[in-house]
Amino acid sequence: MERITLWGWIDFEGKDAGAIVRGATHLIAPTYTEQGCVHYVWTADPVQTHRVWVFEEWERVEDLQAHLDGSLYRDMAGYLADAGMTGAEVNKYRVDLKQPVYDGSGLPQAAFT
């Protein structure tokens, strides 16, 4: 299984990131119905109140590309610009191995087995 994850941050200097995320729910919620969307999470940082964290997971590269080519992505980009985005860094990762952090006995493990 190969999945694609995206995670990163978007800044809105001098703005309330929580309000910005709440204002985007009309764009976030329907993204979950797109083909291959596993996770599409936007959340305000509790310490850096001007920062939004983004986490996405897609089943296939083609699913992510369809999202990036679609109207929800374009509408979100417009919304973020209108909300006063001042900076961002969001990266994509190709995941070829995924395992739980906690083993069968409930202990956290960093190593892959």
PDB file of N, CA and C in Angstrom:
ATOM      1  N   MET A   1       0.849  -1.177   0.000  1.00  0.00           N
ATOM      2  CA  MET A   1       0.000   0.000   0.000  1.00  0.00           C
ATOM      3  C   MET A   1       0.888   1.231   0.000  1.00  0.00           C
ATOM      4  N   GLU A   2       0.597   2.150  -0.898  1.00  0.00           N
ATOM      5  CA  GLU A   2       1.294   3.429  -0.905  1.00  0.00           C
ATOM      6  C   GLU A   2       0.252   4.520  -0.713  1.00  0.00           C
ATOM      7  N   ARG A   3       0.446   5.322   0.298  1.00  0.00           N
ATOM      8  CA  ARG A   3      -0.455   6.448   0.539  1.00  0.00           C
ATOM      9  C   ARG A   3       0.339   7.741   0.485  1.00  0.00           C
ATOM     10  N   ILE A   4      -0.374   8.823   0.310  1.00  0.00           N
ATOM     11  CA  ILE A   4       0.237  10.144   0.278  1.00  0.00           C
ATOM     12  C   ILE A   4      -0.286  10.920   1.479  1.00  0.00           C
ATOM     13  N   THR A   5       0.625  11.481   2.267  1.00  0.00           N
ATOM     14  CA  THR A   5       0.218  12.363   3.352  1.00  0.00           C
ATOM     15  C   THR A   5       0.749  13.758   3.061  1.00  0.00           C
ATOM     16  N   LEU A   6       0.020  14.726   3.506  1.00  0.00           N
ATOM     17  CA  LEU A   6       0.445  16.112   3.440  1.00  0.00           C
ATOM     18  C   LEU A   6       0.318  16.675   4.842  1.00  0.00           C
ATOM     19  N   TRP A   7       1.299  17.439   5.259  1.00  0.00           N
ATOM     20  CA  TRP A   7       1.133  18.163   6.500  1.00  0.00           C
ATOM     21  C   TRP A   7       1.993  19.405   6.459  1.00  0.00           C
ATOM     22  N   GLY A   8       1.531  20.393   7.167  1.00  0.00           N
ATOM     23  CA  GLY A   8       2.245  21.654   7.198  1.00  0.00           C
ATOM     24  C   GLY A   8       1.432  22.716   7.905  1.00  0.00           C
ATOM     25  N   TRP A   9       1.872  23.962   7.740  1.00  0.00           N
ATOM     26  CA  TRP A   9       1.244  25.064   8.452  1.00  0.00           C
ATOM     27  C   TRP A   9       0.904  26.196   7.488  1.00  0.00           C
ATOM     28  N   ILE A  10      -0.077  26.986   7.921  1.00  0.00           N
ATOM     29  CA  ILE A  10      -0.471  28.200   7.217  1.00  0.00           C
ATOM     30  C   ILE A  10      -0.613  29.288   8.270  1.00  0.00           C
ATOM     31  N   ASP A  11       0.030  30.424   8.044  1.00  0.00           N
ATOM     32  CA  ASP A  11      -0.002  31.528   9.011  1.00  0.00           C
ATOM     33  C   ASP A  11      -0.919  32.653   8.556  1.00  0.00           C
ATOM     34  N   PHE A  12      -1.515  33.290   9.556  1.00  0.00           N
ATOM     35  CA  PHE A  12      -2.385  34.444   9.377  1.00  0.00           C
ATOM     36  C   PHE A  12      -2.009  35.446  10.460  1.00  0.00           C
ATOM     37  N   GLU A  13      -0.883  36.132  10.296  1.00  0.00           N
ATOM     38  CA  GLU A  13      -0.373  37.038  11.322  1.00  0.00           C
ATOM     39  C   GLU A  13      -1.463  38.023  11.759  1.00  0.00           C
ATOM     40  N   GLY A  14      -1.632  38.105  13.083  1.00  0.00           N
ATOM     41  CA  GLY A  14      -2.605  39.024  13.646  1.00  0.00           C
ATOM     42  C   GLY A  14      -4.042  38.575  13.541  1.00  0.00           C
ATOM     43  N   LYS A  15      -4.261  37.360  13.093  1.00  0.00           N
ATOM     44  CA  LYS A  15      -5.633  36.842  12.937  1.00  0.00           C
ATOM     45  C   LYS A  15      -5.847  35.655  13.861  1.00  0.00           C
ATOM     46  N   ASP A  16      -7.100  35.329  14.111  1.00  0.00           N
ATOM     47  CA  ASP A  16      -7.481  34.181  14.933  1.00  0.00           C
ATOM     48  C   ASP A  16      -7.627  32.954  14.041  1.00  0.00           C
ATOM     49  N   ALA A  17      -6.639  32.067  14.096  1.00  0.00           N
ATOM     50  CA  ALA A  17      -6.648  30.880  13.238  1.00  0.00           C
ATOM     51  C   ALA A  17      -7.869  29.998  13.500  1.00  0.00           C
ATOM     52  N   GLY A  18      -8.322  29.935  14.743  1.00  0.00           N
ATOM     53  CA  GLY A  18      -9.503  29.134  15.060  1.00  0.00           C
ATOM     54  C   GLY A  18     -10.723  29.614  14.295  1.00  0.00           C
ATOM     55  N   ALA A  19     -10.901  30.909  14.213  1.00  0.00           N
ATOM     56  CA  ALA A  19     -12.029  31.468  13.467  1.00  0.00           C
ATOM     57  C   ALA A  19     -11.885  31.181  11.975  1.00  0.00           C
ATOM     58  N   ILE A  20     -10.663  31.221  11.486  1.00  0.00           N
ATOM     59  CA  ILE A  20     -10.432  30.941  10.069  1.00  0.00           C
ATOM     60  C   ILE A  20     -10.779  29.485   9.750  1.00  0.00           C
ATOM     61  N   VAL A  21     -10.370  28.561  10.609  1.00  0.00           N
ATOM     62  CA  VAL A  21     -10.704  27.146  10.395  1.00  0.00           C
ATOM     63  C   VAL A  21     -12.217  26.945  10.453  1.00  0.00           C
ATOM     64  N   ARG A  22     -12.860  27.521  11.464  1.00  0.00           N
ATOM     65  CA  ARG A  22     -14.319  27.376  11.568  1.00  0.00           C
ATOM     66  C   ARG A  22     -15.017  27.931  10.324  1.00  0.00           C
ATOM     67  N   GLY A  23     -14.478  29.007   9.781  1.00  0.00           N
ATOM     68  CA  GLY A  23     -15.057  29.599   8.576  1.00  0.00           C
ATOM     69  C   GLY A  23     -14.866  28.768   7.327  1.00  0.00           C
ATOM     70  N   ALA A  24     -13.972  27.786   7.389  1.00  0.00           N
ATOM     71  CA  ALA A  24     -13.684  26.944   6.226  1.00  0.00           C
ATOM     72  C   ALA A  24     -14.391  25.592   6.263  1.00  0.00           C
ATOM     73  N   THR A  25     -15.207  25.349   7.270  1.00  0.00           N
ATOM     74  CA  THR A  25     -15.826  24.023   7.383  1.00  0.00           C
ATOM     75  C   THR A  25     -16.680  23.668   6.174  1.00  0.00           C
ATOM     76  N   HIS A  26     -17.240  24.672   5.506  1.00  0.00           N
ATOM     77  CA  HIS A  26     -18.040  24.394   4.309  1.00  0.00           C
ATOM     78  C   HIS A  26     -17.172  23.878   3.154  1.00  0.00           C
ATOM     79  N   LEU A  27     -15.860  24.036   3.246  1.00  0.00           N
ATOM     80  CA  LEU A  27     -14.939  23.505   2.247  1.00  0.00           C
ATOM     81  C   LEU A  27     -14.225  22.248   2.745  1.00  0.00           C
ATOM     82  N   ILE A  28     -14.024  22.163   4.049  1.00  0.00           N
ATOM     83  CA  ILE A  28     -13.330  21.008   4.632  1.00  0.00           C
ATOM     84  C   ILE A  28     -14.235  19.774   4.613  1.00  0.00           C
ATOM     85  N   ALA A  29     -15.446  19.907   5.101  1.00  0.00           N
ATOM     86  CA  ALA A  29     -16.344  18.757   5.242  1.00  0.00           C
ATOM     87  C   ALA A  29     -16.582  18.013   3.928  1.00  0.00           C
ATOM     88  N   PRO A  30     -16.885  18.683   2.826  1.00  0.00           N
ATOM     89  CA  PRO A  30     -17.155  17.918   1.601  1.00  0.00           C
ATOM     90  C   PRO A  30     -15.909  17.258   1.003  1.00  0.00           C
ATOM     91  N   THR A  31     -14.729  17.705   1.390  1.00  0.00           N
ATOM     92  CA  THR A  31     -13.515  17.084   0.868  1.00  0.00           C
ATOM     93  C   THR A  31     -13.423  15.627   1.301  1.00  0.00           C
ATOM     94  N   TYR A  32     -13.969  15.316   2.478  1.00  0.00           N
ATOM     95  CA  TYR A  32     -13.969  13.926   2.949  1.00  0.00           C
ATOM     96  C   TYR A  32     -14.717  12.980   1.999  1.00  0.00           C
ATOM     97  N   THR A  33     -15.596  13.522   1.179  1.00  0.00           N
ATOM     98  CA  THR A  33     -16.347  12.671   0.250  1.00  0.00           C
ATOM     99  C   THR A  33     -15.627  12.468  -1.072  1.00  0.00           C
ATOM    100  N   GLU A  34     -14.511  13.142  -1.269  1.00  0.00           N
ATOM    101  CA  GLU A  34     -13.768  12.985  -2.517  1.00  0.00           C
ATOM    102  C   GLU A  34     -13.111  11.608  -2.574  1.00  0.00           C
ATOM    103  N   GLN A  35     -13.000  11.075  -3.772  1.00  0.00           N
ATOM    104  CA  GLN A  35     -12.374   9.773  -3.993  1.00  0.00           C
ATOM    105  C   GLN A  35     -10.982   9.733  -3.356  1.00  0.00           C
ATOM    106  N   GLY A  36     -10.736   8.745  -2.492  1.00  0.00           N
ATOM    107  CA  GLY A  36      -9.418   8.516  -1.925  1.00  0.00           C
ATOM    108  C   GLY A  36      -9.051   9.356  -0.729  1.00  0.00           C
ATOM    109  N   CYS A  37      -9.926  10.239  -0.277  1.00  0.00           N
ATOM    110  CA  CYS A  37      -9.610  11.052   0.897  1.00  0.00           C
ATOM    111  C   CYS A  37      -9.773  10.204   2.157  1.00  0.00           C
ATOM    112  N   VAL A  38      -8.692  10.057   2.901  1.00  0.00           N
ATOM    113  CA  VAL A  38      -8.715   9.309   4.150  1.00  0.00           C
ATOM    114  C   VAL A  38      -8.836  10.278   5.331  1.00  0.00           C
ATOM    115  N   HIS A  39      -8.031  11.333   5.326  1.00  0.00           N
ATOM    116  CA  HIS A  39      -8.063  12.376   6.365  1.00  0.00           C
ATOM    117  C   HIS A  39      -7.888  13.731   5.710  1.00  0.00           C
ATOM    118  N   TYR A  40      -8.584  14.716   6.231  1.00  0.00           N
ATOM    119  CA  TYR A  40      -8.462  16.091   5.761  1.00  0.00           C
ATOM    120  C   TYR A  40      -8.728  16.977   6.974  1.00  0.00           C
ATOM    121  N   VAL A  41      -7.681  17.220   7.750  1.00  0.00           N
ATOM    122  CA  VAL A  41      -7.824  17.843   9.062  1.00  0.00           C
ATOM    123  C   VAL A  41      -7.147  19.207   9.066  1.00  0.00           C
ATOM    124  N   TRP A  42      -7.881  20.204   9.457  1.00  0.00           N
ATOM    125  CA  TRP A  42      -7.356  21.561   9.640  1.00  0.00           C
ATOM    126  C   TRP A  42      -7.632  21.940  11.088  1.00  0.00           C
ATOM    127  N   THR A  43      -6.615  22.424  11.782  1.00  0.00           N
ATOM    128  CA  THR A  43      -6.792  22.761  13.186  1.00  0.00           C
ATOM    129  C   THR A  43      -5.944  23.972  13.560  1.00  0.00           C
ATOM    130  N   ALA A  44      -6.448  24.758  14.475  1.00  0.00           N
ATOM    131  CA  ALA A  44      -5.709  25.928  14.953  1.00  0.00           C
ATOM    132  C   ALA A  44      -4.693  25.495  16.001  1.00  0.00           C
ATOM    133  N   ASP A  45      -3.507  26.075  15.946  1.00  0.00           N
ATOM    134  CA  ASP A  45      -2.476  25.811  16.944  1.00  0.00           C
ATOM    135  C   ASP A  45      -2.904  26.463  18.259  1.00  0.00           C
ATOM    136  N   PRO A  46      -2.871  25.727  19.366  1.00  0.00           N
ATOM    137  CA  PRO A  46      -3.319  26.298  20.636  1.00  0.00           C
ATOM    138  C   PRO A  46      -2.327  27.300  21.241  1.00  0.00           C
ATOM    139  N   VAL A  47      -1.092  27.321  20.775  1.00  0.00           N
ATOM    140  CA  VAL A  47      -0.080  28.235  21.314  1.00  0.00           C
ATOM    141  C   VAL A  47       0.192  29.385  20.350  1.00  0.00           C
ATOM    142  N   GLN A  48       0.437  29.053  19.107  1.00  0.00           N
ATOM    143  CA  GLN A  48       0.649  30.066  18.069  1.00  0.00           C
ATOM    144  C   GLN A  48      -0.706  30.342  17.416  1.00  0.00           C
ATOM    145  N   THR A  49      -1.465  31.236  18.014  1.00  0.00           N
ATOM    146  CA  THR A  49      -2.875  31.407  17.659  1.00  0.00           C
ATOM    147  C   THR A  49      -3.098  31.946  16.254  1.00  0.00           C
ATOM    148  N   HIS A  50      -2.041  32.331  15.550  1.00  0.00           N
ATOM    149  CA  HIS A  50      -2.143  32.798  14.165  1.00  0.00           C
ATOM    150  C   HIS A  50      -1.904  31.662  13.157  1.00  0.00           C
ATOM    151  N   ARG A  51      -1.618  30.436  13.664  1.00  0.00           N
ATOM    152  CA  ARG A  51      -1.203  29.326  12.801  1.00  0.00           C
ATOM    153  C   ARG A  51      -2.270  28.244  12.707  1.00  0.00           C
ATOM    154  N   VAL A  52      -2.469  27.767  11.480  1.00  0.00           N
ATOM    155  CA  VAL A  52      -3.333  26.634  11.191  1.00  0.00           C
ATOM    156  C   VAL A  52      -2.439  25.469  10.782  1.00  0.00           C
ATOM    157  N   TRP A  53      -2.703  24.289  11.326  1.00  0.00           N
ATOM    158  CA  TRP A  53      -2.003  23.069  10.925  1.00  0.00           C
ATOM    159  C   TRP A  53      -2.906  22.275  10.006  1.00  0.00           C
ATOM    160  N   VAL A  54      -2.323  21.717   8.965  1.00  0.00           N
ATOM    161  CA  VAL A  54      -3.050  20.947   7.960  1.00  0.00           C
ATOM    162  C   VAL A  54      -2.480  19.538   7.931  1.00  0.00           C
ATOM    163  N   PHE A  55      -3.363  18.544   7.965  1.00  0.00           N
ATOM    164  CA  PHE A  55      -2.966  17.149   7.795  1.00  0.00           C
ATOM    165  C   PHE A  55      -3.935  16.494   6.831  1.00  0.00           C
ATOM    166  N   GLU A  56      -3.395  15.903   5.777  1.00  0.00           N
ATOM    167  CA  GLU A  56      -4.216  15.196   4.795  1.00  0.00           C
ATOM    168  C   GLU A  56      -3.616  13.822   4.553  1.00  0.00           C
ATOM    169  N   GLU A  57      -4.475  12.859   4.226  1.00  0.00           N
ATOM    170  CA  GLU A  57      -4.015  11.548   3.790  1.00  0.00           C
ATOM    171  C   GLU A  57      -4.897  11.112   2.624  1.00  0.00           C
ATOM    172  N   TRP A  58      -4.240  10.660   1.552  1.00  0.00           N
ATOM    173  CA  TRP A  58      -4.915  10.244   0.324  1.00  0.00           C
ATOM    174  C   TRP A  58      -4.471   8.840  -0.030  1.00  0.00           C
ATOM    175  N   GLU A  59      -5.387   8.045  -0.579  1.00  0.00           N
ATOM    176  CA  GLU A  59      -5.078   6.663  -0.915  1.00  0.00           C
ATOM    177  C   GLU A  59      -4.080   6.549  -2.064  1.00  0.00           C
ATOM    178  N   ARG A  60      -4.188   7.438  -3.049  1.00  0.00           N
ATOM    179  CA  ARG A  60      -3.333   7.336  -4.234  1.00  0.00           C
ATOM    180  C   ARG A  60      -2.930   8.729  -4.712  1.00  0.00           C
ATOM    181  N   VAL A  61      -1.827   8.804  -5.430  1.00  0.00           N
ATOM    182  CA  VAL A  61      -1.385  10.062  -6.028  1.00  0.00           C
ATOM    183  C   VAL A  61      -2.478  10.625  -6.927  1.00  0.00           C
ATOM    184  N   GLU A  62      -3.128   9.754  -7.674  1.00  0.00           N
ATOM    185  CA  GLU A  62      -4.184  10.195  -8.593  1.00  0.00           C
ATOM    186  C   GLU A  62      -5.345  10.845  -7.839  1.00  0.00           C
ATOM    187  N   ASP A  63      -5.653  10.347  -6.647  1.00  0.00           N
ATOM    188  CA  ASP A  63      -6.725  10.939  -5.839  1.00  0.00           C
ATOM    189  C   ASP A  63      -6.336  12.340  -5.377  1.00  0.00           C
ATOM    190  N   LEU A  64      -5.099  12.480  -4.932  1.00  0.00           N
ATOM    191  CA  LEU A  64      -4.616  13.806  -4.529  1.00  0.00           C
ATOM    192  C   LEU A  64      -4.642  14.752  -5.718  1.00  0.00           C
ATOM    193  N   GLN A  65      -4.192  14.288  -6.880  1.00  0.00           N
ATOM    194  CA  GLN A  65      -4.181  15.157  -8.060  1.00  0.00           C
ATOM    195  C   GLN A  65      -5.584  15.603  -8.430  1.00  0.00           C
ATOM    196  N   ALA A  66      -6.543  14.694  -8.347  1.00  0.00           N
ATOM    197  CA  ALA A  66      -7.928  15.068  -8.642  1.00  0.00           C
ATOM    198  C   ALA A  66      -8.407  16.147  -7.673  1.00  0.00           C
ATOM    199  N   HIS A  67      -8.031  16.028  -6.402  1.00  0.00           N
ATOM    200  CA  HIS A  67      -8.394  17.055  -5.419  1.00  0.00           C
ATOM    201  C   HIS A  67      -7.749  18.392  -5.789  1.00  0.00           C
ATOM    202  N   LEU A  68      -6.454  18.364  -6.116  1.00  0.00           N
ATOM    203  CA  LEU A  68      -5.736  19.601  -6.446  1.00  0.00           C
ATOM    204  C   LEU A  68      -6.277  20.266  -7.712  1.00  0.00           C
ATOM    205  N   ASP A  69      -6.869  19.469  -8.605  1.00  0.00           N
ATOM    206  CA  ASP A  69      -7.450  19.998  -9.835  1.00  0.00           C
ATOM    207  C   ASP A  69      -8.902  20.432  -9.656  1.00  0.00           C
ATOM    208  N   GLY A  70      -9.482  20.164  -8.482  1.00  0.00           N
ATOM    209  CA  GLY A  70     -10.912  20.367  -8.289  1.00  0.00           C
ATOM    210  C   GLY A  70     -11.313  21.707  -7.718  1.00  0.00           C
ATOM    211  N   SER A  71     -12.611  21.919  -7.702  1.00  0.00           N
ATOM    212  CA  SER A  71     -13.171  23.205  -7.254  1.00  0.00           C
ATOM    213  C   SER A  71     -13.011  23.424  -5.757  1.00  0.00           C
ATOM    214  N   LEU A  72     -13.053  22.373  -4.940  1.00  0.00           N
ATOM    215  CA  LEU A  72     -12.892  22.577  -3.498  1.00  0.00           C
ATOM    216  C   LEU A  72     -11.508  23.127  -3.175  1.00  0.00           C
ATOM    217  N   TYR A  73     -10.495  22.617  -3.848  1.00  0.00           N
ATOM    218  CA  TYR A  73      -9.136  23.125  -3.637  1.00  0.00           C
ATOM    219  C   TYR A  73      -9.035  24.583  -4.085  1.00  0.00           C
ATOM    220  N   ARG A  74      -9.553  24.896  -5.267  1.00  0.00           N
ATOM    221  CA  ARG A  74      -9.508  26.275  -5.759  1.00  0.00           C
ATOM    222  C   ARG A  74     -10.280  27.209  -4.840  1.00  0.00           C
ATOM    223  N   ASP A  75     -11.435  26.768  -4.362  1.00  0.00           N
ATOM    224  CA  ASP A  75     -12.227  27.603  -3.464  1.00  0.00           C
ATOM    225  C   ASP A  75     -11.510  27.812  -2.135  1.00  0.00           C
ATOM    226  N   MET A  76     -10.821  26.771  -1.628  1.00  0.00           N
ATOM    227  CA  MET A  76     -10.073  26.911  -0.387  1.00  0.00           C
ATOM    228  C   MET A  76      -8.923  27.896  -0.574  1.00  0.00           C
ATOM    229  N   ALA A  77      -8.217  27.812  -1.682  1.00  0.00           N
ATOM    230  CA  ALA A  77      -7.122  28.750  -1.938  1.00  0.00           C
ATOM    231  C   ALA A  77      -7.636  30.184  -1.939  1.00  0.00           C
ATOM    232  N   GLY A  78      -8.772  30.411  -2.544  1.00  0.00           N
ATOM    233  CA  GLY A  78      -9.367  31.745  -2.542  1.00  0.00           C
ATOM    234  C   GLY A  78      -9.771  32.194  -1.149  1.00  0.00           C
ATOM    235  N   TYR A  79     -10.364  31.269  -0.397  1.00  0.00           N
ATOM    236  CA  TYR A  79     -10.765  31.587   0.974  1.00  0.00           C
ATOM    237  C   TYR A  79      -9.555  31.969   1.822  1.00  0.00           C
ATOM    238  N   LEU A  80      -8.474  31.205   1.720  1.00  0.00           N
ATOM    239  CA  LEU A  80      -7.274  31.479   2.519  1.00  0.00           C
ATOM    240  C   LEU A  80      -6.662  32.818   2.147  1.00  0.00           C
ATOM    241  N   ALA A  81      -6.625  33.134   0.868  1.00  0.00           N
ATOM    242  CA  ALA A  81      -6.107  34.432   0.437  1.00  0.00           C
ATOM    243  C   ALA A  81      -6.971  35.562   0.989  1.00  0.00           C
ATOM    244  N   ASP A  82      -8.279  35.412   0.894  1.00  0.00           N
ATOM    245  CA  ASP A  82      -9.198  36.428   1.414  1.00  0.00           C
ATOM    246  C   ASP A  82      -9.086  36.574   2.929  1.00  0.00           C
ATOM    247  N   ALA A  83      -8.756  35.465   3.621  1.00  0.00           N
ATOM    248  CA  ALA A  83      -8.627  35.490   5.086  1.00  0.00           C
ATOM    249  C   ALA A  83      -7.326  36.145   5.535  1.00  0.00           C
ATOM    250  N   GLY A  84      -6.423  36.428   4.603  1.00  0.00           N
ATOM    251  CA  GLY A  84      -5.188  37.129   4.959  1.00  0.00           C
ATOM    252  C   GLY A  84      -3.992  36.239   5.210  1.00  0.00           C
ATOM    253  N   MET A  85      -3.888  35.121   4.511  1.00  0.00           N
ATOM    254  CA  MET A  85      -2.746  34.229   4.674  1.00  0.00           C
ATOM    255  C   MET A  85      -1.450  35.009   4.472  1.00  0.00           C
ATOM    256  N   THR A  86      -0.502  34.820   5.416  1.00  0.00           N
ATOM    257  CA  THR A  86       0.777  35.541   5.333  1.00  0.00           C
ATOM    258  C   THR A  86       1.968  34.623   5.086  1.00  0.00           C
ATOM    259  N   GLY A  87       1.780  33.313   5.156  1.00  0.00           N
ATOM    260  CA  GLY A  87       2.867  32.373   4.909  1.00  0.00           C
ATOM    261  C   GLY A  87       2.354  30.959   5.030  1.00  0.00           C
ATOM    262  N   ALA A  88       3.103  30.031   4.442  1.00  0.00           N
ATOM    263  CA  ALA A  88       2.679  28.631   4.490  1.00  0.00           C
ATOM    264  C   ALA A  88       3.837  27.726   4.099  1.00  0.00           C
ATOM    265  N   GLU A  89       3.802  26.530   4.658  1.00  0.00           N
ATOM    266  CA  GLU A  89       4.664  25.446   4.205  1.00  0.00           C
ATOM    267  C   GLU A  89       3.910  24.144   4.404  1.00  0.00           C
ATOM    268  N   VAL A  90       3.538  23.522   3.311  1.00  0.00           N
ATOM    269  CA  VAL A  90       2.838  22.238   3.348  1.00  0.00           C
ATOM    270  C   VAL A  90       3.612  21.302   2.429  1.00  0.00           C
ATOM    271  N   ASN A  91       4.000  20.149   2.961  1.00  0.00           N
ATOM    272  CA  ASN A  91       4.789  19.177   2.206  1.00  0.00           C
ATOM    273  C   ASN A  91       4.000  17.889   2.019  1.00  0.00           C
ATOM    274  N   LYS A  92       4.354  17.150   0.968  1.00  0.00           N
ATOM    275  CA  LYS A  92       3.728  15.853   0.712  1.00  0.00           C
ATOM    276  C   LYS A  92       4.758  14.765   0.948  1.00  0.00           C
ATOM    277  N   TYR A  93       4.260  13.618   1.397  1.00  0.00           N
ATOM    278  CA  TYR A  93       5.112  12.468   1.699  1.00  0.00           C
ATOM    279  C   TYR A  93       4.469  11.219   1.110  1.00  0.00           C
ATOM    280  N   ARG A  94       5.286  10.404   0.484  1.00  0.00           N
ATOM    281  CA  ARG A  94       4.823   9.112  -0.023  1.00  0.00           C
ATOM    282  C   ARG A  94       5.105   8.090   1.076  1.00  0.00           C
ATOM    283  N   VAL A  95       4.085   7.377   1.497  1.00  0.00           N
ATOM    284  CA  VAL A  95       4.204   6.448   2.615  1.00  0.00           C
ATOM    285  C   VAL A  95       4.134   5.026   2.078  1.00  0.00           C
ATOM    286  N   ASP A  96       5.201   4.260   2.303  1.00  0.00           N
ATOM    287  CA  ASP A  96       5.192   2.885   1.832  1.00  0.00           C
ATOM    288  C   ASP A  96       5.128   1.867   2.959  1.00  0.00           C
ATOM    289  N   LEU A  97       5.224   2.329   4.199  1.00  0.00           N
ATOM    290  CA  LEU A  97       5.101   1.440   5.340  1.00  0.00           C
ATOM    291  C   LEU A  97       4.410   2.190   6.469  1.00  0.00           C
ATOM    292  N   LYS A  98       3.426   1.554   7.048  1.00  0.00           N
ATOM    293  CA  LYS A  98       2.646   2.178   8.114  1.00  0.00           C
ATOM    294  C   LYS A  98       2.421   1.133   9.189  1.00  0.00           C
ATOM    295  N   GLN A  99       2.777   1.469  10.428  1.00  0.00           N
ATOM    296  CA  GLN A  99       2.574   0.564  11.556  1.00  0.00           C
ATOM    297  C   GLN A  99       2.108   1.373  12.760  1.00  0.00           C
ATOM    298  N   PRO A 100       1.416   0.729  13.690  1.00  0.00           N
ATOM    299  CA  PRO A 100       1.000   1.415  14.904  1.00  0.00           C
ATOM    300  C   PRO A 100       2.212   1.786  15.771  1.00  0.00           C
ATOM    301  N   VAL A 101       2.089   2.861  16.507  1.00  0.00           N
ATOM    302  CA  VAL A 101       3.139   3.263  17.447  1.00  0.00           C
ATOM    303  C   VAL A 101       3.183   2.283  18.613  1.00  0.00           C
ATOM    304  N   TYR A 102       2.026   1.818  19.070  1.00  0.00           N
ATOM    305  CA  TYR A 102       1.955   0.944  20.241  1.00  0.00           C
ATOM    306  C   TYR A 102       1.921  -0.521  19.817  1.00  0.00           C
ATOM    307  N   ASP A 103       2.774  -1.314  20.454  1.00  0.00           N
ATOM    308  CA  ASP A 103       2.811  -2.740  20.127  1.00  0.00           C
ATOM    309  C   ASP A 103       1.652  -3.470  20.816  1.00  0.00           C
ATOM    310  N   GLY A 104       1.592  -4.775  20.652  1.00  0.00           N
ATOM    311  CA  GLY A 104       0.499  -5.576  21.196  1.00  0.00           C
ATOM    312  C   GLY A 104       0.363  -5.506  22.698  1.00  0.00           C
ATOM    313  N   SER A 105       1.442  -5.143  23.400  1.00  0.00           N
ATOM    314  CA  SER A 105       1.392  -5.053  24.865  1.00  0.00           C
ATOM    315  C   SER A 105       1.101  -3.623  25.326  1.00  0.00           C
ATOM    316  N   GLY A 106       0.928  -2.707  24.374  1.00  0.00           N
ATOM    317  CA  GLY A 106       0.602  -1.327  24.726  1.00  0.00           C
ATOM    318  C   GLY A 106       1.804  -0.421  24.908  1.00  0.00           C
ATOM    319  N   LEU A 107       2.999  -0.903  24.570  1.00  0.00           N
ATOM    320  CA  LEU A 107       4.214  -0.097  24.711  1.00  0.00           C
ATOM    321  C   LEU A 107       4.508   0.649  23.395  1.00  0.00           C
ATOM    322  N   PRO A 108       4.919   1.914  23.498  1.00  0.00           N
ATOM    323  CA  PRO A 108       5.264   2.642  22.285  1.00  0.00           C
ATOM    324  C   PRO A 108       6.597   2.158  21.721  1.00  0.00           C
ATOM    325  N   GLN A 109       6.655   2.045  20.399  1.00  0.00           N
ATOM    326  CA  GLN A 109       7.855   1.576  19.717  1.00  0.00           C
ATOM    327  C   GLN A 109       8.173   2.512  18.560  1.00  0.00           C
ATOM    328  N   ALA A 110       9.424   2.985  18.488  1.00  0.00           N
ATOM    329  CA  ALA A 110       9.850   3.840  17.383  1.00  0.00           C
ATOM    330  C   ALA A 110      10.251   3.018  16.168  1.00  0.00           C
ATOM    331  N   ALA A 111      10.804   1.830  16.389  1.00  0.00           N
ATOM    332  CA  ALA A 111      11.336   1.002  15.297  1.00  0.00           C
ATOM    333  C   ALA A 111      10.203   0.381  14.488  1.00  0.00           C
ATOM    334  N   PHE A 112      10.471   0.191  13.201  1.00  0.00           N
ATOM    335  CA  PHE A 112       9.570  -0.548  12.334  1.00  0.00           C
ATOM    336  C   PHE A 112       9.974  -2.012  12.347  1.00  0.00           C
ATOM    337  N   THR A 113       8.996  -2.891  12.355  1.00  0.00           N
ATOM    338  CA  THR A 113       9.300  -4.322  12.383  1.00  0.00           C
ATOM    339  C   THR A 113       8.849  -4.984  11.106  1.00  0.00           C
TER     340      THR A 113
END
